[in-house]
Amino acid sequence: MNKKLSKILAEIEKTKEKLSEQQGKLRELERQKTELENTEMVELIRSTKMNTEELSTFLKAFRKKSEMPIFMPKQEEQHDEEN
């Protein structure tokens, strides 16, 4: 086989391996991001001191009143506004 062709085929294989590794790393980072977002949401909901029924009623009422998505500032932003 041609030396140049062998070199290119080896480089292709090496690049495919790196790409596969990076895709796995990306999936893991996306999983971690989702987990952290979920944790943040749970903490925010728990900080309202509402039970699940009260929270459900609140969210349904809010959606009926406004088609806008629910937005609440992050806790850091709330602390900044207080100071």
PDB file of N, CA and C in Angstrom:
ATOM      1  N   MET A   1       0.850  -1.180   0.000  1.00  0.00           N
ATOM      2  CA  MET A   1       0.000   0.000   0.000  1.00  0.00           C
ATOM      3  C   MET A   1       0.891   1.237   0.000  1.00  0.00           C
ATOM      4  N   ASN A   2       0.386   2.244  -0.611  1.00  0.00           N
ATOM      5  CA  ASN A   2       1.084   3.515  -0.697  1.00  0.00           C
ATOM      6  C   ASN A   2       1.350   4.060   0.706  1.00  0.00           C
ATOM      7  N   LYS A   3       2.556   4.586   0.920  1.00  0.00           N
ATOM      8  CA  LYS A   3       2.950   5.109   2.223  1.00  0.00           C
ATOM      9  C   LYS A   3       2.077   6.283   2.651  1.00  0.00           C
ATOM     10  N   LYS A   4       1.793   7.199   1.729  1.00  0.00           N
ATOM     11  CA  LYS A   4       0.954   8.350   2.038  1.00  0.00           C
ATOM     12  C   LYS A   4      -0.452   7.914   2.426  1.00  0.00           C
ATOM     13  N   LEU A   5      -1.003   6.950   1.682  1.00  0.00           N
ATOM     14  CA  LEU A   5      -2.347   6.449   1.955  1.00  0.00           C
ATOM     15  C   LEU A   5      -2.396   5.793   3.331  1.00  0.00           C
ATOM     16  N   SER A   6      -1.404   5.012   3.676  1.00  0.00           N
ATOM     17  CA  SER A   6      -1.349   4.370   4.993  1.00  0.00           C
ATOM     18  C   SER A   6      -1.316   5.416   6.102  1.00  0.00           C
ATOM     19  N   LYS A   7      -0.540   6.465   5.874  1.00  0.00           N
ATOM     20  CA  LYS A   7      -0.422   7.532   6.861  1.00  0.00           C
ATOM     21  C   LYS A   7      -1.769   8.237   7.038  1.00  0.00           C
ATOM     22  N   ILE A   8      -2.448   8.512   5.943  1.00  0.00           N
ATOM     23  CA  ILE A   8      -3.758   9.176   6.001  1.00  0.00           C
ATOM     24  C   ILE A   8      -4.775   8.278   6.689  1.00  0.00           C
ATOM     25  N   LEU A   9      -4.786   6.993   6.379  1.00  0.00           N
ATOM     26  CA  LEU A   9      -5.719   6.063   7.021  1.00  0.00           C
ATOM     27  C   LEU A   9      -5.472   5.993   8.525  1.00  0.00           C
ATOM     28  N   ALA A  10      -4.228   6.000   8.923  1.00  0.00           N
ATOM     29  CA  ALA A  10      -3.893   5.978  10.347  1.00  0.00           C
ATOM     30  C   ALA A  10      -4.365   7.268  11.021  1.00  0.00           C
ATOM     31  N   GLU A  11      -4.191   8.383  10.343  1.00  0.00           N
ATOM     32  CA  GLU A  11      -4.623   9.676  10.890  1.00  0.00           C
ATOM     33  C   GLU A  11      -6.147   9.727  11.008  1.00  0.00           C
ATOM     34  N   ILE A  12      -6.840   9.163  10.024  1.00  0.00           N
ATOM     35  CA  ILE A  12      -8.311   9.098  10.075  1.00  0.00           C
ATOM     36  C   ILE A  12      -8.755   8.294  11.287  1.00  0.00           C
ATOM     37  N   GLU A  13      -8.142   7.158  11.503  1.00  0.00           N
ATOM     38  CA  GLU A  13      -8.500   6.301  12.638  1.00  0.00           C
ATOM     39  C   GLU A  13      -8.224   7.009  13.967  1.00  0.00           C
ATOM     40  N   LYS A  14      -7.094   7.668  14.057  1.00  0.00           N
ATOM     41  CA  LYS A  14      -6.729   8.404  15.259  1.00  0.00           C
ATOM     42  C   LYS A  14      -7.747   9.521  15.522  1.00  0.00           C
ATOM     43  N   THR A  15      -8.159  10.226  14.481  1.00  0.00           N
ATOM     44  CA  THR A  15      -9.137  11.311  14.614  1.00  0.00           C
ATOM     45  C   THR A  15     -10.498  10.768  15.036  1.00  0.00           C
ATOM     46  N   LYS A  16     -10.897   9.628  14.490  1.00  0.00           N
ATOM     47  CA  LYS A  16     -12.168   9.014  14.884  1.00  0.00           C
ATOM     48  C   LYS A  16     -12.161   8.642  16.368  1.00  0.00           C
ATOM     49  N   GLU A  17     -11.042   8.124  16.847  1.00  0.00           N
ATOM     50  CA  GLU A  17     -10.925   7.760  18.260  1.00  0.00           C
ATOM     51  C   GLU A  17     -11.031   8.992  19.152  1.00  0.00           C
ATOM     52  N   LYS A  18     -10.346  10.064  18.768  1.00  0.00           N
ATOM     53  CA  LYS A  18     -10.411  11.306  19.538  1.00  0.00           C
ATOM     54  C   LYS A  18     -11.836  11.866  19.546  1.00  0.00           C
ATOM     55  N   LEU A  19     -12.477  11.820  18.392  1.00  0.00           N
ATOM     56  CA  LEU A  19     -13.840  12.320  18.272  1.00  0.00           C
ATOM     57  C   LEU A  19     -14.791  11.531  19.167  1.00  0.00           C
ATOM     58  N   SER A  20     -14.646  10.227  19.166  1.00  0.00           N
ATOM     59  CA  SER A  20     -15.482   9.378  20.009  1.00  0.00           C
ATOM     60  C   SER A  20     -15.261   9.702  21.488  1.00  0.00           C
ATOM     61  N   GLU A  21     -14.008   9.902  21.855  1.00  0.00           N
ATOM     62  CA  GLU A  21     -13.678  10.253  23.241  1.00  0.00           C
ATOM     63  C   GLU A  21     -14.298  11.601  23.618  1.00  0.00           C
ATOM     64  N   GLN A  22     -14.206  12.575  22.737  1.00  0.00           N
ATOM     65  CA  GLN A  22     -14.762  13.904  23.002  1.00  0.00           C
ATOM     66  C   GLN A  22     -16.298  13.871  23.077  1.00  0.00           C
ATOM     67  N   GLN A  23     -16.929  13.041  22.259  1.00  0.00           N
ATOM     68  CA  GLN A  23     -18.387  12.907  22.317  1.00  0.00           C
ATOM     69  C   GLN A  23     -18.819  12.320  23.660  1.00  0.00           C
ATOM     70  N   GLY A  24     -18.071  11.351  24.143  1.00  0.00           N
ATOM     71  CA  GLY A  24     -18.360  10.776  25.455  1.00  0.00           C
ATOM     72  C   GLY A  24     -18.197  11.812  26.552  1.00  0.00           C
ATOM     73  N   LYS A  25     -17.145  12.610  26.453  1.00  0.00           N
ATOM     74  CA  LYS A  25     -16.904  13.665  27.438  1.00  0.00           C
ATOM     75  C   LYS A  25     -18.033  14.699  27.391  1.00  0.00           C
ATOM     76  N   LEU A  26     -18.483  15.055  26.190  1.00  0.00           N
ATOM     77  CA  LEU A  26     -19.580  16.014  26.032  1.00  0.00           C
ATOM     78  C   LEU A  26     -20.865  15.484  26.662  1.00  0.00           C
ATOM     79  N   ARG A  27     -21.178  14.215  26.424  1.00  0.00           N
ATOM     80  CA  ARG A  27     -22.382  13.616  27.020  1.00  0.00           C
ATOM     81  C   ARG A  27     -22.318  13.665  28.549  1.00  0.00           C
ATOM     82  N   GLU A  28     -21.160  13.372  29.114  1.00  0.00           N
ATOM     83  CA  GLU A  28     -20.997  13.399  30.563  1.00  0.00           C
ATOM     84  C   GLU A  28     -21.148  14.813  31.108  1.00  0.00           C
ATOM     85  N   LEU A  29     -20.577  15.790  30.429  1.00  0.00           N
ATOM     86  CA  LEU A  29     -20.706  17.181  30.868  1.00  0.00           C
ATOM     87  C   LEU A  29     -22.156  17.655  30.783  1.00  0.00           C
ATOM     88  N   GLU A  30     -22.857  17.263  29.733  1.00  0.00           N
ATOM     89  CA  GLU A  30     -24.268  17.626  29.602  1.00  0.00           C
ATOM     90  C   GLU A  30     -25.104  16.978  30.705  1.00  0.00           C
ATOM     91  N   ARG A  31     -24.770  15.739  31.074  1.00  0.00           N
ATOM     92  CA  ARG A  31     -25.467  15.058  32.160  1.00  0.00           C
ATOM     93  C   ARG A  31     -25.235  15.794  33.484  1.00  0.00           C
ATOM     94  N   GLN A  32     -23.992  16.188  33.730  1.00  0.00           N
ATOM     95  CA  GLN A  32     -23.665  16.925  34.955  1.00  0.00           C
ATOM     96  C   GLN A  32     -24.389  18.269  34.994  1.00  0.00           C
ATOM     97  N   LYS A  33     -24.455  18.948  33.854  1.00  0.00           N
ATOM     98  CA  LYS A  33     -25.143  20.237  33.773  1.00  0.00           C
ATOM     99  C   LYS A  33     -26.617  20.070  34.115  1.00  0.00           C
ATOM    100  N   THR A  34     -27.255  19.075  33.538  1.00  0.00           N
ATOM    101  CA  THR A  34     -28.667  18.822  33.806  1.00  0.00           C
ATOM    102  C   THR A  34     -28.891  18.500  35.279  1.00  0.00           C
ATOM    103  N   GLU A  35     -28.011  17.698  35.842  1.00  0.00           N
ATOM    104  CA  GLU A  35     -28.124  17.336  37.259  1.00  0.00           C
ATOM    105  C   GLU A  35     -28.019  18.581  38.148  1.00  0.00           C
ATOM    106  N   LEU A  36     -27.077  19.457  37.842  1.00  0.00           N
ATOM    107  CA  LEU A  36     -26.922  20.692  38.629  1.00  0.00           C
ATOM    108  C   LEU A  36     -28.127  21.620  38.459  1.00  0.00           C
ATOM    109  N   GLU A  37     -28.646  21.717  37.245  1.00  0.00           N
ATOM    110  CA  GLU A  37     -29.844  22.538  37.013  1.00  0.00           C
ATOM    111  C   GLU A  37     -31.029  21.987  37.792  1.00  0.00           C
ATOM    112  N   ASN A  38     -31.189  20.680  37.773  1.00  0.00           N
ATOM    113  CA  ASN A  38     -32.290  20.061  38.510  1.00  0.00           C
ATOM    114  C   ASN A  38     -32.156  20.299  40.010  1.00  0.00           C
ATOM    115  N   THR A  39     -30.939  20.173  40.521  1.00  0.00           N
ATOM    116  CA  THR A  39     -30.700  20.421  41.937  1.00  0.00           C
ATOM    117  C   THR A  39     -31.039  21.866  42.294  1.00  0.00           C
ATOM    118  N   GLU A  40     -30.633  22.787  41.438  1.00  0.00           N
ATOM    119  CA  GLU A  40     -30.919  24.199  41.674  1.00  0.00           C
ATOM    120  C   GLU A  40     -32.430  24.454  41.687  1.00  0.00           C
ATOM    121  N   MET A  41     -33.153  23.825  40.766  1.00  0.00           N
ATOM    122  CA  MET A  41     -34.607  24.003  40.721  1.00  0.00           C
ATOM    123  C   MET A  41     -35.268  23.445  41.980  1.00  0.00           C
ATOM    124  N   VAL A  42     -34.835  22.284  42.405  1.00  0.00           N
ATOM    125  CA  VAL A  42     -35.408  21.674  43.611  1.00  0.00           C
ATOM    126  C   VAL A  42     -35.149  22.569  44.819  1.00  0.00           C
ATOM    127  N   GLU A  43     -33.936  23.088  44.941  1.00  0.00           N
ATOM    128  CA  GLU A  43     -33.615  23.977  46.061  1.00  0.00           C
ATOM    129  C   GLU A  43     -34.481  25.238  46.025  1.00  0.00           C
ATOM    130  N   LEU A  44     -34.672  25.790  44.838  1.00  0.00           N
ATOM    131  CA  LEU A  44     -35.496  26.979  44.697  1.00  0.00           C
ATOM    132  C   LEU A  44     -36.944  26.697  45.096  1.00  0.00           C
ATOM    133  N   ILE A  45     -37.471  25.584  44.648  1.00  0.00           N
ATOM    134  CA  ILE A  45     -38.847  25.212  44.974  1.00  0.00           C
ATOM    135  C   ILE A  45     -38.993  24.972  46.474  1.00  0.00           C
ATOM    136  N   ARG A  46     -38.040  24.285  47.051  1.00  0.00           N
ATOM    137  CA  ARG A  46     -38.106  24.021  48.494  1.00  0.00           C
ATOM    138  C   ARG A  46     -38.016  25.320  49.304  1.00  0.00           C
ATOM    139  N   SER A  47     -37.313  26.304  48.773  1.00  0.00           N
ATOM    140  CA  SER A  47     -37.177  27.567  49.500  1.00  0.00           C
ATOM    141  C   SER A  47     -38.491  28.338  49.570  1.00  0.00           C
ATOM    142  N   THR A  48     -39.466  27.984  48.728  1.00  0.00           N
ATOM    143  CA  THR A  48     -40.769  28.663  48.757  1.00  0.00           C
ATOM    144  C   THR A  48     -41.612  28.194  49.924  1.00  0.00           C
ATOM    145  N   LYS A  49     -41.238  27.079  50.530  1.00  0.00           N
ATOM    146  CA  LYS A  49     -41.961  26.499  51.671  1.00  0.00           C
ATOM    147  C   LYS A  49     -43.398  26.098  51.293  1.00  0.00           C
ATOM    148  N   MET A  50     -43.636  25.852  50.004  1.00  0.00           N
ATOM    149  CA  MET A  50     -44.956  25.385  49.560  1.00  0.00           C
ATOM    150  C   MET A  50     -44.942  23.863  49.487  1.00  0.00           C
ATOM    151  N   ASN A  51     -46.089  23.262  49.773  1.00  0.00           N
ATOM    152  CA  ASN A  51     -46.176  21.827  49.552  1.00  0.00           C
ATOM    153  C   ASN A  51     -46.474  21.609  48.066  1.00  0.00           C
ATOM    154  N   THR A  52     -46.474  20.373  47.618  1.00  0.00           N
ATOM    155  CA  THR A  52     -46.620  20.098  46.186  1.00  0.00           C
ATOM    156  C   THR A  52     -47.960  20.570  45.639  1.00  0.00           C
ATOM    157  N   GLU A  53     -49.014  20.439  46.424  1.00  0.00           N
ATOM    158  CA  GLU A  53     -50.332  20.883  45.973  1.00  0.00           C
ATOM    159  C   GLU A  53     -50.361  22.407  45.803  1.00  0.00           C
ATOM    160  N   GLU A  54     -49.803  23.125  46.763  1.00  0.00           N
ATOM    161  CA  GLU A  54     -49.765  24.587  46.685  1.00  0.00           C
ATOM    162  C   GLU A  54     -48.927  25.050  45.491  1.00  0.00           C
ATOM    163  N   LEU A  55     -47.800  24.397  45.282  1.00  0.00           N
ATOM    164  CA  LEU A  55     -46.935  24.746  44.159  1.00  0.00           C
ATOM    165  C   LEU A  55     -47.638  24.499  42.834  1.00  0.00           C
ATOM    166  N   SER A  56     -48.306  23.365  42.721  1.00  0.00           N
ATOM    167  CA  SER A  56     -49.037  23.037  41.507  1.00  0.00           C
ATOM    168  C   SER A  56     -50.121  24.070  41.225  1.00  0.00           C
ATOM    169  N   THR A  57     -50.859  24.441  42.244  1.00  0.00           N
ATOM    170  CA  THR A  57     -51.919  25.447  42.098  1.00  0.00           C
ATOM    171  C   THR A  57     -51.316  26.781  41.664  1.00  0.00           C
ATOM    172  N   PHE A  58     -50.210  27.166  42.291  1.00  0.00           N
ATOM    173  CA  PHE A  58     -49.557  28.423  41.947  1.00  0.00           C
ATOM    174  C   PHE A  58     -49.118  28.430  40.489  1.00  0.00           C
ATOM    175  N   LEU A  59     -48.458  27.368  40.039  1.00  0.00           N
ATOM    176  CA  LEU A  59     -47.957  27.313  38.671  1.00  0.00           C
ATOM    177  C   LEU A  59     -49.092  27.326  37.655  1.00  0.00           C
ATOM    178  N   LYS A  60     -50.172  26.592  37.938  1.00  0.00           N
ATOM    179  CA  LYS A  60     -51.323  26.585  37.029  1.00  0.00           C
ATOM    180  C   LYS A  60     -51.948  27.964  36.935  1.00  0.00           C
ATOM    181  N   ALA A  61     -52.105  28.637  38.063  1.00  0.00           N
ATOM    182  CA  ALA A  61     -52.688  29.979  38.080  1.00  0.00           C
ATOM    183  C   ALA A  61     -51.787  30.951  37.331  1.00  0.00           C
ATOM    184  N   PHE A  62     -50.505  30.835  37.513  1.00  0.00           N
ATOM    185  CA  PHE A  62     -49.579  31.728  36.842  1.00  0.00           C
ATOM    186  C   PHE A  62     -49.643  31.540  35.333  1.00  0.00           C
ATOM    187  N   ARG A  63     -49.702  30.287  34.887  1.00  0.00           N
ATOM    188  CA  ARG A  63     -49.775  30.014  33.448  1.00  0.00           C
ATOM    189  C   ARG A  63     -51.049  30.567  32.843  1.00  0.00           C
ATOM    190  N   LYS A  64     -52.158  30.460  33.560  1.00  0.00           N
ATOM    191  CA  LYS A  64     -53.426  30.983  33.054  1.00  0.00           C
ATOM    192  C   LYS A  64     -53.363  32.500  32.916  1.00  0.00           C
ATOM    193  N   LYS A  65     -52.742  33.139  33.889  1.00  0.00           N
ATOM    194  CA  LYS A  65     -52.678  34.600  33.906  1.00  0.00           C
ATOM    195  C   LYS A  65     -51.704  35.132  32.861  1.00  0.00           C
ATOM    196  N   SER A  66     -50.641  34.426  32.625  1.00  0.00           N
ATOM    197  CA  SER A  66     -49.594  34.919  31.746  1.00  0.00           C
ATOM    198  C   SER A  66     -49.075  33.792  30.865  1.00  0.00           C
ATOM    199  N   GLU A  67     -48.879  34.097  29.616  1.00  0.00           N
ATOM    200  CA  GLU A  67     -48.302  33.105  28.704  1.00  0.00           C
ATOM    201  C   GLU A  67     -46.780  33.110  28.789  1.00  0.00           C
ATOM    202  N   MET A  68     -46.240  34.031  29.565  1.00  0.00           N
ATOM    203  CA  MET A  68     -44.797  34.125  29.702  1.00  0.00           C
ATOM    204  C   MET A  68     -44.282  32.995  30.594  1.00  0.00           C
ATOM    205  N   PRO A  69     -43.064  32.538  30.338  1.00  0.00           N
ATOM    206  CA  PRO A  69     -42.485  31.532  31.231  1.00  0.00           C
ATOM    207  C   PRO A  69     -42.214  32.136  32.597  1.00  0.00           C
ATOM    208  N   ILE A  70     -42.215  31.279  33.591  1.00  0.00           N
ATOM    209  CA  ILE A  70     -41.969  31.734  34.958  1.00  0.00           C
ATOM    210  C   ILE A  70     -40.499  32.117  35.090  1.00  0.00           C
ATOM    211  N   PHE A  71     -40.247  33.290  35.666  1.00  0.00           N
ATOM    212  CA  PHE A  71     -38.875  33.738  35.900  1.00  0.00           C
ATOM    213  C   PHE A  71     -38.749  34.231  37.325  1.00  0.00           C
ATOM    214  N   MET A  72     -37.786  33.692  38.005  1.00  0.00           N
ATOM    215  CA  MET A  72     -37.463  34.167  39.349  1.00  0.00           C
ATOM    216  C   MET A  72     -35.963  34.366  39.377  1.00  0.00           C
ATOM    217  N   PRO A  73     -35.485  35.487  39.906  1.00  0.00           N
ATOM    218  CA  PRO A  73     -34.032  35.718  39.932  1.00  0.00           C
ATOM    219  C   PRO A  73     -33.326  34.681  40.776  1.00  0.00           C
ATOM    220  N   LYS A  74     -32.088  34.422  40.416  1.00  0.00           N
ATOM    221  CA  LYS A  74     -31.265  33.508  41.199  1.00  0.00           C
ATOM    222  C   LYS A  74     -31.038  34.095  42.574  1.00  0.00           C
ATOM    223  N   GLN A  75     -30.719  33.240  43.523  1.00  0.00           N
ATOM    224  CA  GLN A  75     -30.524  33.687  44.897  1.00  0.00           C
ATOM    225  C   GLN A  75     -29.416  34.724  44.988  1.00  0.00           C
ATOM    226  N   GLU A  76     -28.336  34.574  44.195  1.00  0.00           N
ATOM    227  CA  GLU A  76     -27.251  35.551  44.235  1.00  0.00           C
ATOM    228  C   GLU A  76     -27.777  36.923  43.827  1.00  0.00           C
ATOM    229  N   GLU A  77     -28.657  36.958  42.799  1.00  0.00           N
ATOM    230  CA  GLU A  77     -29.212  38.214  42.330  1.00  0.00           C
ATOM    231  C   GLU A  77     -30.092  38.840  43.399  1.00  0.00           C
ATOM    232  N   GLN A  78     -30.842  38.019  44.114  1.00  0.00           N
ATOM    233  CA  GLN A  78     -31.697  38.524  45.171  1.00  0.00           C
ATOM    234  C   GLN A  78     -30.855  39.169  46.261  1.00  0.00           C
ATOM    235  N   HIS A  79     -29.727  38.532  46.608  1.00  0.00           N
ATOM    236  CA  HIS A  79     -28.860  39.087  47.641  1.00  0.00           C
ATOM    237  C   HIS A  79     -28.244  40.405  47.170  1.00  0.00           C
ATOM    238  N   ASP A  80     -27.880  40.495  45.888  1.00  0.00           N
ATOM    239  CA  ASP A  80     -27.323  41.720  45.348  1.00  0.00           C
ATOM    240  C   ASP A  80     -28.331  42.858  45.421  1.00  0.00           C
ATOM    241  N   GLU A  81     -29.592  42.562  45.117  1.00  0.00           N
ATOM    242  CA  GLU A  81     -30.628  43.573  45.140  1.00  0.00           C
ATOM    243  C   GLU A  81     -30.911  44.058  46.552  1.00  0.00           C
ATOM    244  N   GLU A  82     -30.767  43.187  47.538  1.00  0.00           N
ATOM    245  CA  GLU A  82     -31.023  43.547  48.920  1.00  0.00           C
ATOM    246  C   GLU A  82     -29.957  44.476  49.472  1.00  0.00           C
ATOM    247  N   ASN A  83     -28.742  44.358  48.962  1.00  0.00           N
ATOM    248  CA  ASN A  83     -27.607  45.161  49.468  1.00  0.00           C
ATOM    249  C   ASN A  83     -27.517  46.507  48.802  1.00  0.00           C
TER     250      ASN A  83
END
